[in-house]
PDB file of N, CA and C in Angstrom:
ATOM      1  N   MET A   1       0.850  -1.169   0.000  1.00  0.00           N
ATOM      2  CA  MET A   1       0.000   0.000   0.000  1.00  0.00           C
ATOM      3  C   MET A   1       0.897   1.233   0.000  1.00  0.00           C
ATOM      4  N   LEU A   2       0.554   2.166  -0.854  1.00  0.00           N
ATOM      5  CA  LEU A   2       1.217   3.462  -0.882  1.00  0.00           C
ATOM      6  C   LEU A   2       0.257   4.479  -0.290  1.00  0.00           C
ATOM      7  N   CYS A   3       0.746   5.332   0.572  1.00  0.00           N
ATOM      8  CA  CYS A   3      -0.094   6.363   1.185  1.00  0.00           C
ATOM      9  C   CYS A   3       0.620   7.702   1.103  1.00  0.00           C
ATOM     10  N   HIS A   4      -0.179   8.765   1.031  1.00  0.00           N
ATOM     11  CA  HIS A   4       0.393  10.102   1.040  1.00  0.00           C
ATOM     12  C   HIS A   4      -0.614  11.050   1.680  1.00  0.00           C
ATOM     13  N   ALA A   5      -0.185  11.761   2.690  1.00  0.00           N
ATOM     14  CA  ALA A   5      -1.043  12.739   3.350  1.00  0.00           C
ATOM     15  C   ALA A   5      -1.047  14.031   2.545  1.00  0.00           C
ATOM     16  N   ILE A   6      -2.182  14.676   2.490  1.00  0.00           N
ATOM     17  CA  ILE A   6      -2.292  15.950   1.779  1.00  0.00           C
ATOM     18  C   ILE A   6      -1.944  17.058   2.764  1.00  0.00           C
ATOM     19  N   ALA A   7      -0.786  17.659   2.561  1.00  0.00           N
ATOM     20  CA  ALA A   7      -0.311  18.698   3.469  1.00  0.00           C
ATOM     21  C   ALA A   7      -0.470  20.090   2.884  1.00  0.00           C
ATOM     22  N   ASP A   8      -0.165  20.231   1.599  1.00  0.00           N
ATOM     23  CA  ASP A   8      -0.289  21.513   0.925  1.00  0.00           C
ATOM     24  C   ASP A   8      -0.429  21.250  -0.572  1.00  0.00           C
ATOM     25  N   ALA A   9      -0.408  22.299  -1.383  1.00  0.00           N
ATOM     26  CA  ALA A   9      -0.643  22.157  -2.824  1.00  0.00           C
ATOM     27  C   ALA A   9       0.370  21.232  -3.489  1.00  0.00           C
ATOM     28  N   ARG A  10       1.571  21.153  -2.954  1.00  0.00           N
ATOM     29  CA  ARG A  10       2.586  20.266  -3.530  1.00  0.00           C
ATOM     30  C   ARG A  10       2.166  18.807  -3.444  1.00  0.00           C
ATOM     31  N   SER A  11       1.338  18.475  -2.468  1.00  0.00           N
ATOM     32  CA  SER A  11       0.888  17.103  -2.295  1.00  0.00           C
ATOM     33  C   SER A  11       0.117  16.602  -3.507  1.00  0.00           C
ATOM     34  N   LEU A  12      -0.566  17.485  -4.189  1.00  0.00           N
ATOM     35  CA  LEU A  12      -1.361  17.074  -5.355  1.00  0.00           C
ATOM     36  C   LEU A  12      -0.480  16.629  -6.516  1.00  0.00           C
ATOM     37  N   ARG A  13       0.779  17.061  -6.536  1.00  0.00           N
ATOM     38  CA  ARG A  13       1.695  16.635  -7.596  1.00  0.00           C
ATOM     39  C   ARG A  13       2.087  15.170  -7.457  1.00  0.00           C
ATOM     40  N   VAL A  14       1.833  14.593  -6.307  1.00  0.00           N
ATOM     41  CA  VAL A  14       2.177  13.193  -6.058  1.00  0.00           C
ATOM     42  C   VAL A  14       1.172  12.257  -6.744  1.00  0.00           C
ATOM     43  N   LEU A  15      -0.042  12.720  -6.951  1.00  0.00           N
ATOM     44  CA  LEU A  15      -1.088  11.853  -7.514  1.00  0.00           C
ATOM     45  C   LEU A  15      -0.688  11.206  -8.834  1.00  0.00           C
ATOM     46  N   PRO A  16      -0.184  11.950  -9.823  1.00  0.00           N
ATOM     47  CA  PRO A  16       0.195  11.289 -11.079  1.00  0.00           C
ATOM     48  C   PRO A  16       1.282  10.230 -10.897  1.00  0.00           C
ATOM     49  N   ALA A  17       2.231  10.490 -10.019  1.00  0.00           N
ATOM     50  CA  ALA A  17       3.295   9.509  -9.774  1.00  0.00           C
ATOM     51  C   ALA A  17       2.730   8.255  -9.117  1.00  0.00           C
ATOM     52  N   MET A  18       1.823   8.434  -8.170  1.00  0.00           N
ATOM     53  CA  MET A  18       1.208   7.274  -7.526  1.00  0.00           C
ATOM     54  C   MET A  18       0.337   6.503  -8.515  1.00  0.00           C
ATOM     55  N   ALA A  19      -0.350   7.218  -9.391  1.00  0.00           N
ATOM     56  CA  ALA A  19      -1.204   6.571 -10.386  1.00  0.00           C
ATOM     57  C   ALA A  19      -0.385   5.769 -11.387  1.00  0.00           C
ATOM     58  N   ALA A  20       0.775   6.271 -11.743  1.00  0.00           N
ATOM     59  CA  ALA A  20       1.621   5.595 -12.733  1.00  0.00           C
ATOM     60  C   ALA A  20       2.345   4.387 -12.158  1.00  0.00           C
ATOM     61  N   GLY A  21       2.544   4.348 -10.869  1.00  0.00           N
ATOM     62  CA  GLY A  21       3.299   3.264 -10.240  1.00  0.00           C
ATOM     63  C   GLY A  21       2.870   1.867 -10.629  1.00  0.00           C
ATOM     64  N   PRO A  22       1.592   1.499 -10.510  1.00  0.00           N
ATOM     65  CA  PRO A  22       1.188   0.132 -10.830  1.00  0.00           C
ATOM     66  C   PRO A  22       1.344  -0.243 -12.298  1.00  0.00           C
ATOM     67  N   SER A  23       1.471   0.718 -13.181  1.00  0.00           N
ATOM     68  CA  SER A  23       1.551   0.403 -14.610  1.00  0.00           C
ATOM     69  C   SER A  23       2.985   0.335 -15.130  1.00  0.00           C
ATOM     70  N   ARG A  24       3.972   0.530 -14.247  1.00  0.00           N
ATOM     71  CA  ARG A  24       5.367   0.515 -14.690  1.00  0.00           C
ATOM     72  C   ARG A  24       5.743  -0.854 -15.220  1.00  0.00           C
ATOM     73  N   PRO A  25       6.316  -0.914 -16.413  1.00  0.00           N
ATOM     74  CA  PRO A  25       6.753  -2.204 -16.938  1.00  0.00           C
ATOM     75  C   PRO A  25       7.916  -2.756 -16.106  1.00  0.00           C
ATOM     76  N   GLY A  26       7.970  -4.071 -15.984  1.00  0.00           N
ATOM     77  CA  GLY A  26       9.068  -4.700 -15.285  1.00  0.00           C
ATOM     78  C   GLY A  26       8.937  -4.720 -13.775  1.00  0.00           C
ATOM     79  N   ARG A  27       7.772  -4.332 -13.252  1.00  0.00           N
ATOM     80  CA  ARG A  27       7.567  -4.372 -11.798  1.00  0.00           C
ATOM     81  C   ARG A  27       7.691  -5.804 -11.314  1.00  0.00           C
ATOM     82  N   ARG A  28       8.287  -6.002 -10.163  1.00  0.00           N
ATOM     83  CA  ARG A  28       8.458  -7.351  -9.631  1.00  0.00           C
ATOM     84  C   ARG A  28       7.812  -7.527  -8.270  1.00  0.00           C
ATOM     85  N   SER A  29       7.092  -6.546  -7.800  1.00  0.00           N
ATOM     86  CA  SER A  29       6.439  -6.656  -6.498  1.00  0.00           C
ATOM     87  C   SER A  29       4.992  -7.105  -6.690  1.00  0.00           C
ATOM     88  N   ALA A  30       4.297  -7.274  -5.590  1.00  0.00           N
ATOM     89  CA  ALA A  30       2.892  -7.673  -5.645  1.00  0.00           C
ATOM     90  C   ALA A  30       2.089  -6.616  -6.385  1.00  0.00           C
ATOM     91  N   PRO A  31       1.040  -7.020  -7.087  1.00  0.00           N
ATOM     92  CA  PRO A  31       0.248  -6.046  -7.852  1.00  0.00           C
ATOM     93  C   PRO A  31      -0.469  -5.046  -6.944  1.00  0.00           C
ATOM     94  N   LEU A  32      -0.558  -3.831  -7.427  1.00  0.00           N
ATOM     95  CA  LEU A  32      -1.300  -2.778  -6.746  1.00  0.00           C
ATOM     96  C   LEU A  32      -2.572  -2.503  -7.534  1.00  0.00           C
ATOM     97  N   SER A  33      -3.529  -1.884  -6.916  1.00  0.00           N
ATOM     98  CA  SER A  33      -4.741  -1.504  -7.623  1.00  0.00           C
ATOM     99  C   SER A  33      -4.390  -0.513  -8.727  1.00  0.00           C
ATOM    100  N   PRO A  34      -5.064  -0.602  -9.876  1.00  0.00           N
ATOM    101  CA  PRO A  34      -4.802   0.374 -10.937  1.00  0.00           C
ATOM    102  C   PRO A  34      -5.387   1.755 -10.626  1.00  0.00           C
ATOM    103  N   ASP A  35      -6.211   1.862  -9.579  1.00  0.00           N
ATOM    104  CA  ASP A  35      -6.832   3.125  -9.200  1.00  0.00           C
ATOM    105  C   ASP A  35      -6.242   3.637  -7.891  1.00  0.00           C
ATOM    106  N   LEU A  36      -6.520   4.895  -7.602  1.00  0.00           N
ATOM    107  CA  LEU A  36      -6.147   5.484  -6.316  1.00  0.00           C
ATOM    108  C   LEU A  36      -7.388   5.516  -5.430  1.00  0.00           C
ATOM    109  N   PHE A  37      -7.171   5.631  -4.130  1.00  0.00           N
ATOM    110  CA  PHE A  37      -8.286   5.677  -3.192  1.00  0.00           C
ATOM    111  C   PHE A  37      -8.093   6.841  -2.242  1.00  0.00           C
ATOM    112  N   TRP A  38      -9.199   7.508  -1.940  1.00  0.00           N
ATOM    113  CA  TRP A  38      -9.221   8.642  -1.024  1.00  0.00           C
ATOM    114  C   TRP A  38      -9.887   8.159   0.255  1.00  0.00           C
ATOM    115  N   LYS A  39      -9.182   8.205   1.371  1.00  0.00           N
ATOM    116  CA  LYS A  39      -9.754   7.748   2.635  1.00  0.00           C
ATOM    117  C   LYS A  39     -10.579   8.871   3.239  1.00  0.00           C
ATOM    118  N   ARG A  40     -11.836   8.554   3.446  1.00  0.00           N
ATOM    119  CA  ARG A  40     -12.772   9.514   4.042  1.00  0.00           C
ATOM    120  C   ARG A  40     -13.399   8.847   5.250  1.00  0.00           C
ATOM    121  N   GLY A  41     -12.963   9.231   6.428  1.00  0.00           N
ATOM    122  CA  GLY A  41     -13.451   8.580   7.645  1.00  0.00           C
ATOM    123  C   GLY A  41     -13.005   7.125   7.667  1.00  0.00           C
ATOM    124  N   GLU A  42     -13.969   6.220   7.723  1.00  0.00           N
ATOM    125  CA  GLU A  42     -13.659   4.788   7.770  1.00  0.00           C
ATOM    126  C   GLU A  42     -13.834   4.107   6.416  1.00  0.00           C
ATOM    127  N   SER A  43     -14.088   4.877   5.367  1.00  0.00           N
ATOM    128  CA  SER A  43     -14.294   4.267   4.044  1.00  0.00           C
ATOM    129  C   SER A  43     -13.322   4.859   3.026  1.00  0.00           C
ATOM    130  N   PHE A  44     -13.272   4.225   1.875  1.00  0.00           N
ATOM    131  CA  PHE A  44     -12.404   4.656   0.792  1.00  0.00           C
ATOM    132  C   PHE A  44     -13.246   4.964  -0.443  1.00  0.00           C
ATOM    133  N   VAL A  45     -12.915   6.050  -1.135  1.00  0.00           N
ATOM    134  CA  VAL A  45     -13.598   6.448  -2.369  1.00  0.00           C
ATOM    135  C   VAL A  45     -12.602   6.255  -3.512  1.00  0.00           C
ATOM    136  N   VAL A  46     -13.046   5.575  -4.565  1.00  0.00           N
ATOM    137  CA  VAL A  46     -12.169   5.321  -5.714  1.00  0.00           C
ATOM    138  C   VAL A  46     -11.946   6.608  -6.495  1.00  0.00           C
ATOM    139  N   LEU A  47     -10.690   6.883  -6.823  1.00  0.00           N
ATOM    140  CA  LEU A  47     -10.311   7.964  -7.730  1.00  0.00           C
ATOM    141  C   LEU A  47      -9.765   7.256  -8.970  1.00  0.00           C
ATOM    142  N   PRO A  48     -10.615   7.030  -9.977  1.00  0.00           N
ATOM    143  CA  PRO A  48     -10.196   6.233 -11.132  1.00  0.00           C
ATOM    144  C   PRO A  48      -8.980   6.813 -11.851  1.00  0.00           C
ATOM    145  N   VAL A  49      -8.099   5.919 -12.251  1.00  0.00           N
ATOM    146  CA  VAL A  49      -6.916   6.291 -13.014  1.00  0.00           C
ATOM    147  C   VAL A  49      -7.175   5.938 -14.476  1.00  0.00           C
ATOM    148  N   VAL A  50      -6.910   6.907 -15.357  1.00  0.00           N
ATOM    149  CA  VAL A  50      -7.123   6.725 -16.792  1.00  0.00           C
ATOM    150  C   VAL A  50      -5.762   6.693 -17.466  1.00  0.00           C
ATOM    151  N   ARG A  51      -5.587   5.693 -18.322  1.00  0.00           N
ATOM    152  CA  ARG A  51      -4.335   5.557 -19.080  1.00  0.00           C
ATOM    153  C   ARG A  51      -4.679   5.648 -20.559  1.00  0.00           C
ATOM    154  N   GLU A  52      -4.202   6.713 -21.217  1.00  0.00           N
ATOM    155  CA  GLU A  52      -4.474   6.933 -22.642  1.00  0.00           C
ATOM    156  C   GLU A  52      -3.221   7.474 -23.321  1.00  0.00           C
ATOM    157  N   ASP A  53      -2.865   6.871 -24.431  1.00  0.00           N
ATOM    158  CA  ASP A  53      -1.741   7.355 -25.247  1.00  0.00           C
ATOM    159  C   ASP A  53      -0.478   7.609 -24.418  1.00  0.00           C
ATOM    160  N   GLY A  54      -0.164   6.702 -23.506  1.00  0.00           N
ATOM    161  CA  GLY A  54       1.036   6.849 -22.701  1.00  0.00           C
ATOM    162  C   GLY A  54       0.918   7.835 -21.554  1.00  0.00           C
ATOM    163  N   GLU A  55      -0.215   8.492 -21.432  1.00  0.00           N
ATOM    164  CA  GLU A  55      -0.453   9.458 -20.354  1.00  0.00           C
ATOM    165  C   GLU A  55      -1.220   8.768 -19.229  1.00  0.00           C
ATOM    166  N   VAL A  56      -0.926   9.160 -18.011  1.00  0.00           N
ATOM    167  CA  VAL A  56      -1.630   8.642 -16.840  1.00  0.00           C
ATOM    168  C   VAL A  56      -2.182   9.826 -16.081  1.00  0.00           C
ATOM    169  N   ARG A  57      -3.491   9.782 -15.782  1.00  0.00           N
ATOM    170  CA  ARG A  57      -4.093  10.863 -14.999  1.00  0.00           C
ATOM    171  C   ARG A  57      -5.147  10.281 -14.079  1.00  0.00           C
ATOM    172  N   CYS A  58      -5.411  10.986 -13.031  1.00  0.00           N
ATOM    173  CA  CYS A  58      -6.391  10.558 -12.042  1.00  0.00           C
ATOM    174  C   CYS A  58      -7.628  11.438 -12.174  1.00  0.00           C
ATOM    175  N   GLU A  59      -8.802  10.793 -12.217  1.00  0.00           N
ATOM    176  CA  GLU A  59     -10.053  11.548 -12.282  1.00  0.00           C
ATOM    177  C   GLU A  59     -10.504  11.856 -10.862  1.00  0.00           C
ATOM    178  N   LEU A  60     -10.459  13.134 -10.510  1.00  0.00           N
ATOM    179  CA  LEU A  60     -10.809  13.543  -9.155  1.00  0.00           C
ATOM    180  C   LEU A  60     -12.277  13.916  -9.063  1.00  0.00           C
ATOM    181  N   HIS A  61     -12.922  13.484  -8.000  1.00  0.00           N
ATOM    182  CA  HIS A  61     -14.310  13.844  -7.747  1.00  0.00           C
ATOM    183  C   HIS A  61     -14.391  15.320  -7.385  1.00  0.00           C
ATOM    184  N   ARG A  62     -15.492  15.936  -7.722  1.00  0.00           N
ATOM    185  CA  ARG A  62     -15.698  17.350  -7.381  1.00  0.00           C
ATOM    186  C   ARG A  62     -15.583  17.559  -5.870  1.00  0.00           C
ATOM    187  N   GLU A  63     -16.137  16.628  -5.118  1.00  0.00           N
ATOM    188  CA  GLU A  63     -16.081  16.717  -3.653  1.00  0.00           C
ATOM    189  C   GLU A  63     -14.628  16.670  -3.155  1.00  0.00           C
ATOM    190  N   PHE A  64     -13.802  15.851  -3.800  1.00  0.00           N
ATOM    191  CA  PHE A  64     -12.382  15.785  -3.453  1.00  0.00           C
ATOM    192  C   PHE A  64     -11.750  17.151  -3.692  1.00  0.00           C
ATOM    193  N   ASP A  65     -12.000  17.714  -4.869  1.00  0.00           N
ATOM    194  CA  ASP A  65     -11.448  19.033  -5.190  1.00  0.00           C
ATOM    195  C   ASP A  65     -11.861  20.081  -4.159  1.00  0.00           C
ATOM    196  N   GLU A  66     -13.149  20.078  -3.793  1.00  0.00           N
ATOM    197  CA  GLU A  66     -13.653  21.081  -2.856  1.00  0.00           C
ATOM    198  C   GLU A  66     -13.042  20.914  -1.466  1.00  0.00           C
ATOM    199  N   GLN A  67     -12.966  19.689  -0.979  1.00  0.00           N
ATOM    200  CA  GLN A  67     -12.432  19.463   0.359  1.00  0.00           C
ATOM    201  C   GLN A  67     -10.938  19.715   0.423  1.00  0.00           C
ATOM    202  N   VAL A  68     -10.217  19.331  -0.620  1.00  0.00           N
ATOM    203  CA  VAL A  68      -8.784  19.586  -0.648  1.00  0.00           C
ATOM    204  C   VAL A  68      -8.519  21.089  -0.748  1.00  0.00           C
ATOM    205  N   ALA A  69      -9.310  21.788  -1.541  1.00  0.00           N
ATOM    206  CA  ALA A  69      -9.153  23.240  -1.660  1.00  0.00           C
ATOM    207  C   ALA A  69      -9.329  23.897  -0.288  1.00  0.00           C
ATOM    208  N   GLN A  70     -10.288  23.413   0.508  1.00  0.00           N
ATOM    209  CA  GLN A  70     -10.481  23.964   1.857  1.00  0.00           C
ATOM    210  C   GLN A  70      -9.266  23.716   2.726  1.00  0.00           C
ATOM    211  N   LEU A  71      -8.678  22.517   2.619  1.00  0.00           N
ATOM    212  CA  LEU A  71      -7.485  22.205   3.403  1.00  0.00           C
ATOM    213  C   LEU A  71      -6.314  23.096   3.033  1.00  0.00           C
ATOM    214  N   LEU A  72      -6.229  23.424   1.761  1.00  0.00           N
ATOM    215  CA  LEU A  72      -5.063  24.147   1.263  1.00  0.00           C
ATOM    216  C   LEU A  72      -5.204  25.661   1.369  1.00  0.00           C
ATOM    217  N   SER A  73      -6.400  26.142   1.709  1.00  0.00           N
ATOM    218  CA  SER A  73      -6.578  27.599   1.779  1.00  0.00           C
ATOM    219  C   SER A  73      -6.344  28.131   3.168  1.00  0.00           C
TER     220      SER A  73
END
């Protein structure tokens, strides 16, 4: 499991790197989920990872954007 706490705006730059991790060719460790998860209380919300034309990006929920923006302001 990879985890990262959201501390400030720089934390959001980690998302693409975390999303790309499971798709790296030649990985030799146990498989990771192809998606990211946002821990909210005692549950997890899927943040789907999209892979297109060699690009990796995470689809963030509007609620994620709003709550993170509050943390960062």
